[in-house]
């Protein structure tokens, strides 16, 4: 039995080895078949590519030969025509005209190819009207002058733009006695120590000392004018006045140009733009650039006054230049006007307790 069992085991192992050998042979055979099939396909694809290249090269050569033959034919035809008509003189214009169709026929196919491979047409820019172009130019001009005005404002000194002086407290404390018949919340009157004869009214506060029967009150001090602390007016330099005037003129011109451009547009695209109202807004942004602690505040009306003064000065200079009256007669007339003109200072008292001091001169009391 043991021998039989050993023989059966040997038979089984031999059969397994045969099966594994057969399976390996089959797999190797299938791999070889696939490799041969792939190589054949690759060879076919390379053959097709070579055939396409050769066909393209042959087409290019045929086209070049055709163009050469066309050019030769056109040259021969032109030579025949010239031989038939020898009496006529050849001008440079005729020769150019005959050479042009020959070049055109030779380059027809090349142009067709280049147009096919060229990029799409570029979009044309919309045409700008004259009104819009002028409005944009005037806008750039007044913006440049606006920036120049702001730069000059920032460069101004405290002498040109004087600031407010720092004042001390204008009040003094006074101790007020409470009468025996008065209590907290009642009104009492007391005399102002700064102004004799003046009575002030006050309510007894809750913080009043009812044991000592008094409380403290703050009273305003009398106003005293100090010449060193007097408010001074702004002193703009001439350059800033001229630049402000030029900015005003440029802004007005832009408003007119923008109004004309708006009217030229169709009704559907028109905006609500009124040149007269826009002219009044030209100083709204410049006013914000000035310091806030100025001795004399600057507003839109103040800048308009400066522009009016500068405009009158410009017109006066133009009139002087046009009249040409700058000789000896003009000097004599000016001297006579100065002699006739006299300035008188008159001091008039105002209401209130503050009065300015008056300085008298002996010449005012002399008999004439």
Foldseek 3Di string as FASTA:
>chain_A
DVVVVVVVVVVVVVVVVVVVVVVVVVVVVVVVVVVVVVVVVVVVVVVVVVVVVVVVVVVVVVLLVVLVVLLVVLVVVVVVVCVVDVPDDDDPVVVVVSVVVSVCSSCVVVVVVCVVPDDDDDDDDDDDDPLVVVLVVLVVVLVVLLVVLLVVQVVDDCQQFPFADDDDDQKDKDKDAADPVDDAQDKDWDADPQDPPDIDIDGHHPPADVVRRIDMDIDGHDDDDDPVRDQDDHHDDPVSLVSLLVSLVSLLVSLVSVVVVLVPDDPVPHDPRDSVVSSLCSCVVVLVSHDPRTSDRDDSVNSVVSSVVVVVVVVVVVVCVVVVPDDPVVVVVVVVVVVVDDDDDDDDDDDDDDDDDDDDDPVVVDDD
